PDB file of N, CA and C in Angstrom:
ATOM      1  N   MET A   1      14.805  21.220  29.709  1.00  0.00           N
ATOM      2  CA  MET A   1      14.432  19.892  30.423  1.00  0.00           C
ATOM      3  C   MET A   1      14.432  18.891  29.334  1.00  0.00           C
ATOM      4  N   SER A   2      15.145  17.987  29.639  1.00  0.00           N
ATOM      5  CA  SER A   2      15.086  16.646  28.673  1.00  0.00           C
ATOM      6  C   SER A   2      14.346  15.878  29.035  1.00  0.00           C
ATOM      7  N   THR A   3      13.217  14.947  27.661  1.00  0.00           N
ATOM      8  CA  THR A   3      12.670  13.813  28.434  1.00  0.00           C
ATOM      9  C   THR A   3      13.163  12.829  27.784  1.00  0.00           C
ATOM     10  N   PRO A   4      13.009  11.407  29.117  1.00  0.00           N
ATOM     11  CA  PRO A   4      13.412  10.453  28.298  1.00  0.00           C
ATOM     12  C   PRO A   4      13.508   9.721  27.124  1.00  0.00           C
ATOM     13  N   MET A   5      14.631   9.115  26.413  1.00  0.00           N
ATOM     14  CA  MET A   5      14.193   8.568  24.888  1.00  0.00           C
ATOM     15  C   MET A   5      13.161   8.137  24.752  1.00  0.00           C
ATOM     16  N   ALA A   6      12.542   7.087  25.292  1.00  0.00           N
ATOM     17  CA  ALA A   6      11.856   6.195  25.146  1.00  0.00           C
ATOM     18  C   ALA A   6      10.287   6.800  24.752  1.00  0.00           C
ATOM     19  N   GLU A   7       9.698   8.200  25.818  1.00  0.00           N
ATOM     20  CA  GLU A   7       9.246   8.951  25.326  1.00  0.00           C
ATOM     21  C   GLU A   7       8.903   9.608  24.152  1.00  0.00           C
ATOM     22  N   THR A   8       9.949  10.104  23.422  1.00  0.00           N
ATOM     23  CA  THR A   8      10.611  10.916  22.310  1.00  0.00           C
ATOM     24  C   THR A   8      10.111   9.704  21.243  1.00  0.00           C
ATOM     25  N   THR A   9      10.405   8.766  20.946  1.00  0.00           N
ATOM     26  CA  THR A   9      10.428   7.716  19.844  1.00  0.00           C
ATOM     27  C   THR A   9       9.113   7.182  19.800  1.00  0.00           C
ATOM     28  N   LYS A  10       8.571   6.915  18.546  1.00  0.00           N
ATOM     29  CA  LYS A  10       7.556   6.096  18.488  1.00  0.00           C
ATOM     30  C   LYS A  10       7.747   4.708  18.456  1.00  0.00           C
ATOM     31  N   SER A  11       6.903   4.186  19.542  1.00  0.00           N
ATOM     32  CA  SER A  11       6.656   2.567  19.556  1.00  0.00           C
ATOM     33  C   SER A  11       6.302   1.950  18.051  1.00  0.00           C
ATOM     34  N   ARG A  12       7.254   1.262  18.210  1.00  0.00           N
ATOM     35  CA  ARG A  12       7.012   0.342  16.378  1.00  0.00           C
ATOM     36  C   ARG A  12       5.975  -0.490  16.472  1.00  0.00           C
ATOM     37  N   ARG A  13       5.462  -0.366  15.768  1.00  0.00           N
ATOM     38  CA  ARG A  13       4.273  -1.426  15.362  1.00  0.00           C
ATOM     39  C   ARG A  13       4.722  -3.342  14.890  1.00  0.00           C
ATOM     40  N   SER A  14       3.752  -3.824  15.832  1.00  0.00           N
ATOM     41  CA  SER A  14       4.343  -5.384  15.101  1.00  0.00           C
ATOM     42  C   SER A  14       3.976  -5.667  13.750  1.00  0.00           C
ATOM     43  N   ARG A  15       5.012  -6.465  12.714  1.00  0.00           N
ATOM     44  CA  ARG A  15       4.612  -6.179  11.132  1.00  0.00           C
ATOM     45  C   ARG A  15       3.198  -6.971  10.881  1.00  0.00           C
ATOM     46  N   ARG A  16       2.763  -6.831  10.388  1.00  0.00           N
ATOM     47  CA  ARG A  16       1.567  -7.165  10.247  1.00  0.00           C
ATOM     48  C   ARG A  16       1.578  -7.842   8.348  1.00  0.00           C
ATOM     49  N   ARG A  17       0.670  -9.058   8.270  1.00  0.00           N
ATOM     50  CA  ARG A  17       0.218  -9.403   6.887  1.00  0.00           C
ATOM     51  C   ARG A  17      -0.914  -9.359   6.451  1.00  0.00           C
ATOM     52  N   PHE A  18      -0.455  -9.377   5.386  1.00  0.00           N
ATOM     53  CA  PHE A  18      -2.284  -8.970   4.532  1.00  0.00           C
ATOM     54  C   PHE A  18      -2.356  -9.970   3.572  1.00  0.00           C
ATOM     55  N   ASP A  19      -3.833 -10.273   3.303  1.00  0.00           N
ATOM     56  CA  ASP A  19      -3.557 -11.696   2.145  1.00  0.00           C
ATOM     57  C   ASP A  19      -3.880 -10.884   0.874  1.00  0.00           C
ATOM     58  N   ASP A  20      -3.944 -11.099  -0.309  1.00  0.00           N
ATOM     59  CA  ASP A  20      -4.122 -10.817  -1.491  1.00  0.00           C
ATOM     60  C   ASP A  20      -5.448 -10.331  -1.664  1.00  0.00           C
ATOM     61  N   ASP A  21      -6.250 -11.052  -1.080  1.00  0.00           N
ATOM     62  CA  ASP A  21      -7.428 -10.106  -1.262  1.00  0.00           C
ATOM     63  C   ASP A  21      -7.743  -8.156  -1.286  1.00  0.00           C
ATOM     64  N   PHE A  22      -6.945  -8.703   0.746  1.00  0.00           N
ATOM     65  CA  PHE A  22      -7.202  -7.158   1.415  1.00  0.00           C
ATOM     66  C   PHE A  22      -6.458  -6.221   0.302  1.00  0.00           C
ATOM     67  N   LYS A  23      -5.196  -6.632  -0.081  1.00  0.00           N
ATOM     68  CA  LYS A  23      -4.663  -5.784  -0.865  1.00  0.00           C
ATOM     69  C   LYS A  23      -5.543  -5.359  -2.122  1.00  0.00           C
ATOM     70  N   ALA A  24      -5.838  -6.251  -2.478  1.00  0.00           N
ATOM     71  CA  ALA A  24      -6.570  -5.703  -4.205  1.00  0.00           C
ATOM     72  C   ALA A  24      -7.614  -4.682  -3.674  1.00  0.00           C
ATOM     73  N   GLN A  25      -8.321  -5.578  -2.707  1.00  0.00           N
ATOM     74  CA  GLN A  25      -9.718  -4.185  -2.860  1.00  0.00           C
ATOM     75  C   GLN A  25      -9.095  -3.039  -2.459  1.00  0.00           C
ATOM     76  N   ALA A  26      -7.691  -2.729  -1.334  1.00  0.00           N
ATOM     77  CA  ALA A  26      -7.316  -1.501  -1.279  1.00  0.00           C
ATOM     78  C   ALA A  26      -6.405  -0.706  -1.989  1.00  0.00           C
ATOM     79  N   VAL A  27      -6.411  -1.629  -3.043  1.00  0.00           N
ATOM     80  CA  VAL A  27      -5.705  -1.196  -4.461  1.00  0.00           C
ATOM     81  C   VAL A  27      -6.634  -0.080  -5.199  1.00  0.00           C
ATOM     82  N   ARG A  28      -7.960  -1.356  -5.409  1.00  0.00           N
ATOM     83  CA  ARG A  28      -9.086  -0.690  -6.066  1.00  0.00           C
ATOM     84  C   ARG A  28      -9.617   0.849  -5.638  1.00  0.00           C
ATOM     85  N   LEU A  29      -9.711   0.752  -4.216  1.00  0.00           N
ATOM     86  CA  LEU A  29     -10.081   2.221  -3.632  1.00  0.00           C
ATOM     87  C   LEU A  29      -8.978   3.062  -4.526  1.00  0.00           C
ATOM     88  N   VAL A  30      -7.912   2.930  -4.848  1.00  0.00           N
ATOM     89  CA  VAL A  30      -7.396   4.191  -5.279  1.00  0.00           C
ATOM     90  C   VAL A  30      -7.402   4.104  -6.591  1.00  0.00           C
ATOM     91  N   LEU A  31      -7.264   3.079  -7.285  1.00  0.00           N
ATOM     92  CA  LEU A  31      -7.206   3.206  -8.898  1.00  0.00           C
ATOM     93  C   LEU A  31      -8.512   3.367  -9.041  1.00  0.00           C
ATOM     94  N   ASP A  32      -9.345   2.655  -8.943  1.00  0.00           N
ATOM     95  CA  ASP A  32     -11.057   2.476  -9.190  1.00  0.00           C
ATOM     96  C   ASP A  32     -11.830   3.469  -9.328  1.00  0.00           C
ATOM     97  N   GLU A  33     -11.435   3.996  -7.761  1.00  0.00           N
ATOM     98  CA  GLU A  33     -12.367   4.890  -6.889  1.00  0.00           C
ATOM     99  C   GLU A  33     -12.197   5.824  -7.510  1.00  0.00           C
ATOM    100  N   GLY A  34     -10.639   6.415  -7.571  1.00  0.00           N
ATOM    101  CA  GLY A  34     -10.061   7.498  -7.180  1.00  0.00           C
ATOM    102  C   GLY A  34      -9.753   8.520  -6.011  1.00  0.00           C
ATOM    103  N   LYS A  35      -9.942   7.250  -4.915  1.00  0.00           N
ATOM    104  CA  LYS A  35      -9.392   7.745  -3.585  1.00  0.00           C
ATOM    105  C   LYS A  35      -7.894   7.792  -3.501  1.00  0.00           C
ATOM    106  N   SER A  36      -7.632   8.658  -2.643  1.00  0.00           N
ATOM    107  CA  SER A  36      -6.232   9.064  -2.202  1.00  0.00           C
ATOM    108  C   SER A  36      -5.459   7.906  -1.615  1.00  0.00           C
ATOM    109  N   VAL A  37      -4.164   7.643  -1.927  1.00  0.00           N
ATOM    110  CA  VAL A  37      -3.428   7.207  -0.815  1.00  0.00           C
ATOM    111  C   VAL A  37      -3.479   7.248   0.419  1.00  0.00           C
ATOM    112  N   GLY A  38      -3.059   8.153   0.653  1.00  0.00           N
ATOM    113  CA  GLY A  38      -3.473   9.150   2.105  1.00  0.00           C
ATOM    114  C   GLY A  38      -4.436   8.343   2.728  1.00  0.00           C
ATOM    115  N   ALA A  39      -5.737   8.833   2.018  1.00  0.00           N
ATOM    116  CA  ALA A  39      -6.897   8.518   2.856  1.00  0.00           C
ATOM    117  C   ALA A  39      -7.572   7.081   2.546  1.00  0.00           C
ATOM    118  N   VAL A  40      -7.233   6.293   1.721  1.00  0.00           N
ATOM    119  CA  VAL A  40      -7.072   4.944   2.083  1.00  0.00           C
ATOM    120  C   VAL A  40      -6.404   4.091   2.825  1.00  0.00           C
ATOM    121  N   ALA A  41      -5.225   5.050   3.376  1.00  0.00           N
ATOM    122  CA  ALA A  41      -4.541   4.378   4.098  1.00  0.00           C
ATOM    123  C   ALA A  41      -4.842   4.788   5.736  1.00  0.00           C
ATOM    124  N   ARG A  42      -4.795   5.662   5.401  1.00  0.00           N
ATOM    125  CA  ARG A  42      -5.697   6.516   7.144  1.00  0.00           C
ATOM    126  C   ARG A  42      -7.190   5.431   7.240  1.00  0.00           C
ATOM    127  N   ASP A  43      -8.213   5.343   6.540  1.00  0.00           N
ATOM    128  CA  ASP A  43      -8.856   4.250   6.466  1.00  0.00           C
ATOM    129  C   ASP A  43      -9.035   3.097   7.013  1.00  0.00           C
ATOM    130  N   LEU A  44      -7.854   2.733   6.547  1.00  0.00           N
ATOM    131  CA  LEU A  44      -7.994   1.198   6.339  1.00  0.00           C
ATOM    132  C   LEU A  44      -6.526   0.765   8.035  1.00  0.00           C
ATOM    133  N   ASP A  45      -6.122   1.772   8.103  1.00  0.00           N
ATOM    134  CA  ASP A  45      -4.979   1.852   8.854  1.00  0.00           C
ATOM    135  C   ASP A  45      -3.653   1.059   8.463  1.00  0.00           C
ATOM    136  N   LEU A  46      -3.438   1.477   7.540  1.00  0.00           N
ATOM    137  CA  LEU A  46      -2.231   1.161   6.792  1.00  0.00           C
ATOM    138  C   LEU A  46      -1.222   2.308   6.158  1.00  0.00           C
ATOM    139  N   THR A  47       0.292   1.779   6.318  1.00  0.00           N
ATOM    140  CA  THR A  47       1.145   2.891   6.045  1.00  0.00           C
ATOM    141  C   THR A  47       0.821   3.506   4.706  1.00  0.00           C
ATOM    142  N   GLU A  48       1.590   4.522   4.389  1.00  0.00           N
ATOM    143  CA  GLU A  48       1.269   4.997   3.143  1.00  0.00           C
ATOM    144  C   GLU A  48       2.180   4.204   2.162  1.00  0.00           C
ATOM    145  N   THR A  49       3.065   4.079   2.682  1.00  0.00           N
ATOM    146  CA  THR A  49       4.461   3.197   2.148  1.00  0.00           C
ATOM    147  C   THR A  49       3.839   2.138   1.198  1.00  0.00           C
ATOM    148  N   ALA A  50       3.472   1.130   2.221  1.00  0.00           N
ATOM    149  CA  ALA A  50       2.864  -0.328   1.616  1.00  0.00           C
ATOM    150  C   ALA A  50       1.818  -0.014   0.931  1.00  0.00           C
ATOM    151  N   LEU A  51       0.816   0.682   1.236  1.00  0.00           N
ATOM    152  CA  LEU A  51       0.150   1.242   0.043  1.00  0.00           C
ATOM    153  C   LEU A  51       0.174   1.261  -0.866  1.00  0.00           C
ATOM    154  N   ARG A  52       0.912   2.409  -0.922  1.00  0.00           N
ATOM    155  CA  ARG A  52       1.395   3.289  -2.592  1.00  0.00           C
ATOM    156  C   ARG A  52       2.734   1.750  -3.380  1.00  0.00           C
ATOM    157  N   GLU A  53       2.952   1.072  -2.430  1.00  0.00           N
ATOM    158  CA  GLU A  53       4.093   0.145  -2.917  1.00  0.00           C
ATOM    159  C   GLU A  53       3.114  -0.658  -4.324  1.00  0.00           C
ATOM    160  N   TRP A  54       2.036  -0.851  -2.971  1.00  0.00           N
ATOM    161  CA  TRP A  54       1.308  -2.079  -3.739  1.00  0.00           C
ATOM    162  C   TRP A  54       0.391  -1.436  -4.931  1.00  0.00           C
ATOM    163  N   VAL A  55      -0.219  -0.290  -5.120  1.00  0.00           N
ATOM    164  CA  VAL A  55      -0.644   0.467  -5.963  1.00  0.00           C
ATOM    165  C   VAL A  55       0.241   0.371  -7.364  1.00  0.00           C
ATOM    166  N   LYS A  56       1.500   0.948  -6.661  1.00  0.00           N
ATOM    167  CA  LYS A  56       2.751   0.437  -8.088  1.00  0.00           C
ATOM    168  C   LYS A  56       2.669  -0.417  -8.376  1.00  0.00           C
ATOM    169  N   ARG A  57       2.948  -1.694  -7.878  1.00  0.00           N
ATOM    170  CA  ARG A  57       2.668  -3.180  -8.031  1.00  0.00           C
ATOM    171  C   ARG A  57       1.399  -3.397  -9.446  1.00  0.00           C
ATOM    172  N   ALA A  58       0.547  -2.944  -8.801  1.00  0.00           N
ATOM    173  CA  ALA A  58      -0.964  -3.150  -9.727  1.00  0.00           C
ATOM    174  C   ALA A  58      -0.872  -2.272 -10.835  1.00  0.00           C
ATOM    175  N   ARG A  59      -0.596  -0.966 -10.642  1.00  0.00           N
ATOM    176  CA  ARG A  59      -0.577  -0.356 -12.149  1.00  0.00           C
ATOM    177  C   ARG A  59       0.407  -1.053 -13.164  1.00  0.00           C
ATOM    178  N   ALA A  60       1.778  -1.572 -12.490  1.00  0.00           N
ATOM    179  CA  ALA A  60       2.464  -2.643 -13.168  1.00  0.00           C
ATOM    180  C   ALA A  60       1.812  -3.809 -14.088  1.00  0.00           C
ATOM    181  N   ASP A  61       1.121  -4.283 -13.041  1.00  0.00           N
ATOM    182  CA  ASP A  61       0.321  -5.753 -13.411  1.00  0.00           C
ATOM    183  C   ASP A  61      -0.618  -5.305 -14.847  1.00  0.00           C
ATOM    184  N   ARG A  62      -1.221  -3.900 -14.373  1.00  0.00           N
ATOM    185  CA  ARG A  62      -2.363  -3.816 -15.149  1.00  0.00           C
ATOM    186  C   ARG A  62      -2.324  -3.193 -16.795  1.00  0.00           C
ATOM    187  N   SER A  63      -0.912  -2.708 -16.825  1.00  0.00           N
ATOM    188  CA  SER A  63       0.148  -2.357 -17.817  1.00  0.00           C
ATOM    189  C   SER A  63       0.809  -3.427 -18.773  1.00  0.00           C
ATOM    190  N   HIS A  64       0.539  -4.530 -18.136  1.00  0.00           N
ATOM    191  CA  HIS A  64       1.526  -5.280 -18.936  1.00  0.00           C
ATOM    192  C   HIS A  64       2.807  -5.336 -18.389  1.00  0.00           C
ATOM    193  N   GLY A  65       3.428  -4.720 -17.896  1.00  0.00           N
ATOM    194  CA  GLY A  65       5.243  -4.438 -17.439  1.00  0.00           C
ATOM    195  C   GLY A  65       5.511  -2.789 -18.458  1.00  0.00           C
ATOM    196  N   ARG A  66       4.303  -2.053 -18.749  1.00  0.00           N
ATOM    197  CA  ARG A  66       4.907  -0.831 -19.264  1.00  0.00           C
ATOM    198  C   ARG A  66       5.078   0.151 -18.525  1.00  0.00           C
ATOM    199  N   THR A  67       5.144  -0.004 -17.090  1.00  0.00           N
ATOM    200  CA  THR A  67       5.083   1.138 -15.979  1.00  0.00           C
ATOM    201  C   THR A  67       5.753   0.597 -14.918  1.00  0.00           C
ATOM    202  N   GLY A  68       6.697  -0.723 -15.073  1.00  0.00           N
ATOM    203  CA  GLY A  68       7.718  -1.650 -13.912  1.00  0.00           C
ATOM    204  C   GLY A  68       6.825  -3.101 -14.321  1.00  0.00           C
ATOM    205  N   LEU A  69       7.847  -4.171 -13.336  1.00  0.00           N
ATOM    206  CA  LEU A  69       7.854  -4.750 -13.570  1.00  0.00           C
ATOM    207  C   LEU A  69       6.693  -5.681 -13.110  1.00  0.00           C
ATOM    208  N   THR A  70       5.907  -6.576 -14.009  1.00  0.00           N
ATOM    209  CA  THR A  70       4.701  -7.580 -13.022  1.00  0.00           C
ATOM    210  C   THR A  70       5.236  -7.867 -12.461  1.00  0.00           C
ATOM    211  N   THR A  71       3.777  -8.655 -11.430  1.00  0.00           N
ATOM    212  CA  THR A  71       4.111  -9.916 -10.236  1.00  0.00           C
ATOM    213  C   THR A  71       4.640 -10.708 -10.850  1.00  0.00           C
ATOM    214  N   ALA A  72       4.503 -11.096 -12.475  1.00  0.00           N
ATOM    215  CA  ALA A  72       5.199 -12.589 -12.620  1.00  0.00           C
ATOM    216  C   ALA A  72       6.404 -12.349 -12.554  1.00  0.00           C
ATOM    217  N   GLU A  73       7.220 -11.027 -13.684  1.00  0.00           N
ATOM    218  CA  GLU A  73       8.199 -10.696 -13.803  1.00  0.00           C
ATOM    219  C   GLU A  73       9.629 -10.967 -12.263  1.00  0.00           C
ATOM    220  N   ARG A  74       8.492  -9.987 -11.069  1.00  0.00           N
ATOM    221  CA  ARG A  74       9.359 -10.182 -10.465  1.00  0.00           C
ATOM    222  C   ARG A  74       9.440 -11.199  -9.529  1.00  0.00           C
ATOM    223  N   GLU A  75       8.412 -12.268  -9.791  1.00  0.00           N
ATOM    224  CA  GLU A  75       9.021 -13.480  -8.764  1.00  0.00           C
ATOM    225  C   GLU A  75      10.127 -14.437  -9.959  1.00  0.00           C
ATOM    226  N   GLU A  76       9.933 -14.298 -11.464  1.00  0.00           N
ATOM    227  CA  GLU A  76      10.643 -15.062 -12.013  1.00  0.00           C
ATOM    228  C   GLU A  76      12.655 -14.305 -11.496  1.00  0.00           C
ATOM    229  N   LEU A  77      12.524 -13.017 -11.661  1.00  0.00           N
ATOM    230  CA  LEU A  77      13.878 -12.179 -11.115  1.00  0.00           C
ATOM    231  C   LEU A  77      14.309 -12.761 -10.096  1.00  0.00           C
ATOM    232  N   ALA A  78      13.217 -13.166  -8.984  1.00  0.00           N
ATOM    233  CA  ALA A  78      13.971 -13.908  -7.460  1.00  0.00           C
ATOM    234  C   ALA A  78      13.943 -14.774  -7.678  1.00  0.00           C
ATOM    235  N   ARG A  79      13.320 -15.708  -8.641  1.00  0.00           N
ATOM    236  CA  ARG A  79      13.809 -16.959  -8.869  1.00  0.00           C
ATOM    237  C   ARG A  79      15.413 -16.807  -8.920  1.00  0.00           C
ATOM    238  N   LEU A  80      15.634 -16.265 -10.341  1.00  0.00           N
ATOM    239  CA  LEU A  80      16.995 -16.366 -10.897  1.00  0.00           C
ATOM    240  C   LEU A  80      18.061 -15.568 -10.848  1.00  0.00           C
ATOM    241  N   ARG A  81      17.345 -15.050  -9.535  1.00  0.00           N
ATOM    242  CA  ARG A  81      18.080 -14.640  -8.994  1.00  0.00           C
ATOM    243  C   ARG A  81      19.026 -15.145  -7.778  1.00  0.00           C
ATOM    244  N   LYS A  82      18.191 -16.719  -7.226  1.00  0.00           N
ATOM    245  CA  LYS A  82      18.358 -17.675  -6.304  1.00  0.00           C
ATOM    246  C   LYS A  82      19.246 -18.523  -7.212  1.00  0.00           C
ATOM    247  N   GLU A  83      18.779 -18.941  -8.680  1.00  0.00           N
ATOM    248  CA  GLU A  83      19.924 -19.782  -9.165  1.00  0.00           C
ATOM    249  C   GLU A  83      21.265 -19.270  -9.435  1.00  0.00           C
ATOM    250  N   ASN A  84      21.202 -18.284  -9.788  1.00  0.00           N
ATOM    251  CA  ASN A  84      22.309 -17.523  -9.883  1.00  0.00           C
ATOM    252  C   ASN A  84      23.334 -17.478  -8.873  1.00  0.00           C
ATOM    253  N   ARG A  85      22.902 -17.196  -7.698  1.00  0.00           N
ATOM    254  CA  ARG A  85      23.519 -17.400  -6.339  1.00  0.00           C
ATOM    255  C   ARG A  85      24.162 -18.886  -6.288  1.00  0.00           C
ATOM    256  N   GLN A  86      23.071 -19.924  -6.242  1.00  0.00           N
ATOM    257  CA  GLN A  86      23.717 -21.197  -6.524  1.00  0.00           C
ATOM    258  C   GLN A  86      24.562 -21.862  -7.470  1.00  0.00           C
ATOM    259  N   LEU A  87      24.143 -21.516  -8.125  1.00  0.00           N
ATOM    260  CA  LEU A  87      25.371 -21.161  -9.826  1.00  0.00           C
ATOM    261  C   LEU A  87      26.607 -20.970  -9.094  1.00  0.00           C
ATOM    262  N   ARG A  88      26.970 -19.510  -8.939  1.00  0.00           N
ATOM    263  CA  ARG A  88      28.107 -19.678  -8.400  1.00  0.00           C
ATOM    264  C   ARG A  88      28.509 -20.008  -7.485  1.00  0.00           C
ATOM    265  N   LEU A  89      28.300 -20.247  -6.374  1.00  0.00           N
ATOM    266  CA  LEU A  89      28.276 -21.192  -4.998  1.00  0.00           C
ATOM    267  C   LEU A  89      28.896 -22.522  -5.716  1.00  0.00           C
ATOM    268  N   GLU A  90      28.145 -22.990  -6.635  1.00  0.00           N
ATOM    269  CA  GLU A  90      28.777 -24.431  -7.201  1.00  0.00           C
ATOM    270  C   GLU A  90      29.748 -24.690  -8.129  1.00  0.00           C
ATOM    271  N   ARG A  91      30.027 -23.512  -8.774  1.00  0.00           N
ATOM    272  CA  ARG A  91      31.269 -22.888  -9.451  1.00  0.00           C
ATOM    273  C   ARG A  91      32.660 -22.760  -8.954  1.00  0.00           C
ATOM    274  N   GLU A  92      32.315 -22.126  -7.925  1.00  0.00           N
ATOM    275  CA  GLU A  92      33.183 -22.089  -6.910  1.00  0.00           C
ATOM    276  C   GLU A  92      33.863 -23.343  -5.949  1.00  0.00           C
ATOM    277  N   ILE A  93      32.415 -23.956  -6.052  1.00  0.00           N
ATOM    278  CA  ILE A  93      33.208 -25.677  -5.371  1.00  0.00           C
ATOM    279  C   ILE A  93      33.927 -26.175  -5.872  1.00  0.00           C
ATOM    280  N   LEU A  94      33.305 -26.216  -7.550  1.00  0.00           N
ATOM    281  CA  LEU A  94      34.222 -27.118  -8.822  1.00  0.00           C
ATOM    282  C   LEU A  94      35.505 -26.753  -8.510  1.00  0.00           C
ATOM    283  N   LYS A  95      35.771 -24.809  -8.937  1.00  0.00           N
ATOM    284  CA  LYS A  95      36.773 -24.481  -9.152  1.00  0.00           C
ATOM    285  C   LYS A  95      38.262 -24.810  -7.899  1.00  0.00           C
ATOM    286  N   ASN A  96      37.553 -24.684  -6.708  1.00  0.00           N
ATOM    287  CA  ASN A  96      38.572 -25.456  -5.786  1.00  0.00           C
ATOM    288  C   ASN A  96      38.724 -26.858  -5.360  1.00  0.00           C
ATOM    289  N   ALA A  97      37.646 -27.876  -5.715  1.00  0.00           N
ATOM    290  CA  ALA A  97      38.099 -28.783  -6.008  1.00  0.00           C
ATOM    291  C   ALA A  97      39.157 -29.005  -7.197  1.00  0.00           C
ATOM    292  N   ALA A  98      38.463 -28.512  -8.728  1.00  0.00           N
ATOM    293  CA  ALA A  98      39.919 -28.953  -9.379  1.00  0.00           C
ATOM    294  C   ALA A  98      41.269 -28.455  -9.113  1.00  0.00           C
ATOM    295  N   ALA A  99      41.733 -27.154  -8.397  1.00  0.00           N
ATOM    296  CA  ALA A  99      42.681 -26.783  -8.064  1.00  0.00           C
ATOM    297  C   ALA A  99      43.372 -27.749  -6.724  1.00  0.00           C
ATOM    298  N   TRP A 100      42.514 -28.636  -6.155  1.00  0.00           N
ATOM    299  CA  TRP A 100      42.906 -29.336  -5.098  1.00  0.00           C
ATOM    300  C   TRP A 100      43.436 -30.554  -5.742  1.00  0.00           C
ATOM    301  N   PHE A 101      42.993 -31.401  -6.938  1.00  0.00           N
ATOM    302  CA  PHE A 101      43.231 -32.375  -7.637  1.00  0.00           C
ATOM    303  C   PHE A 101      44.199 -31.651  -8.885  1.00  0.00           C
ATOM    304  N   ALA A 102      44.722 -30.889  -8.610  1.00  0.00           N
ATOM    305  CA  ALA A 102      45.456 -30.284  -9.749  1.00  0.00           C
ATOM    306  C   ALA A 102      46.933 -30.584  -8.931  1.00  0.00           C
ATOM    307  N   ARG A 103      46.753 -29.526  -7.650  1.00  0.00           N
ATOM    308  CA  ARG A 103      47.783 -30.138  -6.656  1.00  0.00           C
ATOM    309  C   ARG A 103      48.453 -31.589  -6.122  1.00  0.00           C
ATOM    310  N   GLU A 104      46.929 -31.751  -5.943  1.00  0.00           N
ATOM    311  CA  GLU A 104      47.132 -33.561  -5.612  1.00  0.00           C
ATOM    312  C   GLU A 104      48.316 -34.240  -6.749  1.00  0.00           C
ATOM    313  N   THR A 105      47.994 -34.688  -7.771  1.00  0.00           N
ATOM    314  CA  THR A 105      48.261 -35.089  -9.133  1.00  0.00           C
ATOM    315  C   THR A 105      49.670 -34.909  -9.353  1.00  0.00           C
ATOM    316  N   THR A 106      49.689 -33.338  -9.321  1.00  0.00           N
ATOM    317  CA  THR A 106      51.365 -32.866  -9.563  1.00  0.00           C
ATOM    318  C   THR A 106      52.392 -33.083  -8.314  1.00  0.00           C
ATOM    319  N   SER A 107      52.045 -33.475  -7.200  1.00  0.00           N
ATOM    320  CA  SER A 107      52.772 -33.216  -5.916  1.00  0.00           C
ATOM    321  C   SER A 107      53.080 -34.555  -5.504  1.00  0.00           C
ATOM    322  N   SER A 108      52.543 -35.793  -6.184  1.00  0.00           N
ATOM    323  CA  SER A 108      52.534 -37.411  -5.153  1.00  0.00           C
ATOM    324  C   SER A 108      53.474 -37.794  -6.202  1.00  0.00           C
ATOM    325  N   PRO A 109      54.401 -38.855  -5.846  1.00  0.00           N
ATOM    326  CA  PRO A 109      55.518 -39.229  -6.702  1.00  0.00           C
ATOM    327  C   PRO A 109      54.604 -40.662  -7.555  1.00  0.00           C
ATOM    328  N   SER A 110      55.144 -40.573  -8.608  1.00  0.00           N
ATOM    329  CA  SER A 110      54.219 -41.970  -9.856  1.00  0.00           C
ATOM    330  C   SER A 110      54.743 -43.506  -9.164  1.00  0.00           C
ATOM    331  N   LYS A 111      53.389 -44.017  -8.800  1.00  0.00           N
ATOM    332  CA  LYS A 111      53.563 -45.239  -8.081  1.00  0.00           C
ATOM    333  C   LYS A 111      53.951 -46.614  -9.233  1.00  0.00           C
ATOM    334  N   ASP A 112      54.262 -45.863 -10.471  1.00  0.00           N
ATOM    335  CA  ASP A 112      54.850 -47.492 -11.507  1.00  0.00           C
ATOM    336  C   ASP A 112      55.849 -47.249 -11.375  1.00  0.00           C
ATOM    337  N   SER A 113      56.838 -46.723 -10.983  1.00  0.00           N
ATOM    338  CA  SER A 113      58.192 -46.540 -11.103  1.00  0.00           C
ATOM    339  C   SER A 113      58.879 -47.807 -10.413  1.00  0.00           C
ATOM    340  N   SER A 114      57.904 -48.640  -9.813  1.00  0.00           N
ATOM    341  CA  SER A 114      58.553 -50.241  -9.364  1.00  0.00           C
ATOM    342  C   SER A 114      58.450 -51.145 -10.291  1.00  0.00           C
ATOM    343  N   SER A 115      57.949 -51.029 -11.159  1.00  0.00           N
ATOM    344  CA  SER A 115      57.790 -52.208 -12.446  1.00  0.00           C
ATOM    345  C   SER A 115      58.976 -52.328 -13.220  1.00  0.00           C
TER     346      SER A 115
END
């Protein structure tokens, strides 16, 4: 006997937002008090994946980047990637404009020939 699809799939919880203080306290429970990620995640009703990512970032920040990108490095990388996308777009626009002007100057007749 098969069950309807809706009954077999888990309903997705809406995305929640957590402030930095909450994240820091959850990370402290894992790093400073030695509790497991799973136990803290269950206690605080979090997904283990989210808490594990917070712990990974905190370890990188605490080790000043020796174990991964620090928060400042991640922010700089995001800013540089955005700037890079913008510069590529501007370069493409300038390249197209230069090609258009080159076509226009070679295809239009000289206006000084009547003198």
